[in-house]
Protein backbone atom coordinates (compact mmCIF):
# COMPACT_ATOMS: atom_id res chain seq x y z
CA MET A 1 97.27 89.34 100.49
CA VAL A 2 100.96 87.98 99.51
CA TYR A 3 103.54 90.37 97.50
CA ASP A 4 105.24 88.41 95.28
CA PRO A 5 108.71 90.35 94.42
CA HIS A 6 108.68 88.13 91.44
CA ARG A 7 105.87 89.12 89.31
CA PRO A 8 105.17 93.18 87.85
CA GLY A 9 103.35 95.12 91.21
CA GLY A 10 104.01 91.75 93.19
CA GLY A 11 101.40 90.29 91.39
CA LEU A 12 98.46 92.49 92.54
CA THR A 13 96.87 95.58 91.27
CA PRO A 14 96.96 98.94 93.04
CA GLU A 15 93.83 98.26 94.37
CA ARG A 16 93.94 95.18 96.26
CA LEU A 17 97.53 96.51 97.52
CA ALA A 18 95.53 99.87 98.48
CA ALA A 19 92.80 97.53 100.11
CA ALA A 20 95.00 95.59 101.60
CA THR A 21 95.24 95.34 105.73
CA VAL A 22 98.21 93.10 105.80
CA ILE A 23 100.77 91.93 102.71
CA LEU A 24 102.88 88.81 103.48
CA TRP A 25 106.02 89.05 101.22
CA LYS A 26 106.59 85.74 99.42
CA GLY A 27 109.87 84.56 100.27
CA HIS A 28 112.56 82.63 102.39
CA CYS A 29 115.54 83.04 104.23
CA SER A 30 117.11 85.46 101.29
CA VAL A 31 114.53 87.56 101.86
CA HIS A 32 116.46 89.01 105.07
CA GLY A 33 119.37 89.77 102.98
CA ARG A 34 117.12 91.44 100.31
CA PHE A 35 114.43 93.36 102.57
CA SER A 36 116.73 96.75 102.95
CA ALA A 37 116.23 100.29 104.29
CA HIS A 38 115.55 101.07 101.02
CA CYS A 39 113.06 98.75 100.14
CA VAL A 40 110.77 100.53 103.35
CA ASP A 41 111.35 103.97 102.03
CA ASP A 42 110.15 102.79 98.08
CA VAL A 43 106.97 101.00 99.29
CA ARG A 44 106.63 104.46 102.12
CA ALA A 45 106.79 106.59 98.79
CA ARG A 46 104.42 104.58 96.81
CA ILE A 47 101.52 103.72 99.40
CA PRO A 48 101.49 106.51 101.79
CA GLY A 49 100.68 105.50 105.53
CA VAL A 50 101.35 102.18 105.02
CA THR A 51 102.51 99.95 108.16
CA CYS A 52 106.00 98.23 107.41
CA TRP A 53 106.59 95.23 109.74
CA SER A 54 110.05 93.21 109.66
CA THR A 55 112.08 90.30 111.46
CA ARG A 56 114.98 91.66 113.56
CA ALA A 57 117.25 89.26 110.92
CA ALA A 58 116.27 91.59 108.16
CA ARG A 59 118.33 94.83 106.84
CA GLY A 60 115.46 97.06 106.82
CA VAL A 61 114.33 96.59 110.44
CA THR A 62 115.82 100.07 111.04
CA LYS A 63 113.04 101.65 109.53
CA ALA A 64 110.10 99.10 110.12
CA ASP A 65 107.12 100.44 112.19
CA HIS A 66 106.92 97.06 114.13
CA VAL A 67 109.93 93.81 114.66
CA GLY A 68 108.90 90.46 115.34
CA SER A 69 109.98 86.94 114.66
CA THR A 70 109.40 84.61 112.16
CA GLU A 71 108.23 81.71 115.04
């Protein structure tokens, strides 16, 4: 499942988001600057129990459940 930040609701229905096992963020390096701790807080408020992954370079890394590499 790919979440597109440029489309309303990421281009996904609430049902598809709730049923997703993994949601990939459609982006590139600019995501590192835009993905913040606030983004993690926001998605957790909207989707209880969601698991957040981040790369080490993203600002939201401090709030993520798991941290990995893009490699």
